[in-house]
Amino acid sequence: MTAFTLDALEPGAERHSARRGILAARLGRALWIAPVVFALAVTTLYPTVFLLGLAFSKSTLGKPFRGFVGVKHFATALQDPIFLSAIGRSVAYALSTSLLQLALGFLIALLFTSLLKGGRFLMSLVLLPLMTPPVMVGIAWKLIFAPAGGLLNGALINYGVISQPISFLGHPLLAWLAIAVADLWQWTPFIVILCFAALSTIPEGVREAALVDGANGWQRFWHITLPLVAAPLSSIYLLKLILSFKLFDLVYILTFGGPGFATTSAGFSIYRRAIEQFDVGRAAAETIVYALVIGLATLPVVRLHQRFERREL
């Protein structure tokens, strides 16, 4: 009787042990991802909830959450021509300068790739602008574009191109060009590094096979190099696009949004709303609106990247 009882209990004991093993494995996986979940909650979830709370309440810099106002801040922001113009300028600037920097960075990376070992040495020199603090970049270029004693005006006058100094930062179009040039100088090395890494992943055998088949330089670039790095290039463009949407430091240092509101980016407009006018609730609503605009603007690039990845598969 005792032996029969022990034999009958063994299957149940085995099931219980297996169940405990599964629970232990699940607990172990949960413990592994717990720090990530906690970090995301602290750095993403809490700020998002806090931002939404500010956007739907009457909040100032010193006294937040003083009363529920509904969608009033959103309606006011969408009817503000200054804020809407700032969004339009930010989108146009981000799309155009990111594309220009991608093209220039890719060409430089192609040059470095053709130099083989010399390209890796030049890569270390290219890192200098990227290591320069953004504040120092803005100050340096402000001195270069200065009408009195500026390096650029001095060179143009010495070579007889102009007879009087030009206020580059005082003209709406020239001020945007000045910001774009400073941004180009600072971030193109970053694009060069990423493009160089993408080009390094192309198998050497593919290039050698193309040479054996008699393909010239343009054919190798258009039919081999470009298709193989299309997906990485779209990722690089998306990354730089997001960085360009965050334009603030160069505007703050070079033009402070002027002349007038000509170079006021969306980020700088939100900063002035929150810090200078203390209207944190309205600034939070503008931040959410701008985030939605960024999502819509980057969606085609994401779709293009997915298309390139599917084509590679």
Foldseek 3Di string as FASTA:
>chain_A
DVVVVVVVCVVVVVVVVVVVVVVVVVVVVCVVCVVVVVVCCVPPVVVVVVLVQLQQAFFFQVRGRPGGNGNVLLVVQVPDPLLVVQLVVLLVLLLVLLVVLLVVLLVLLVVLVVVPPVSVVVLVVLCVLQPDDLLVLLVLLLQCQPQPNHVVQVVCCVVPVDVGGDNQLADLVSVSVSLSVSVSSRCSSVSNVQSNVQQVPQDPVVVVVCVVVPDDPVCCCPVPVCLSCVLSSLVSSLVSSVVSSQDDSNCCRRHLCDPVNSNPHNNSVLVCCCPVVRRSNSSSSSVVVSVVVSVVSCVVSVVSSVVSVVVVD
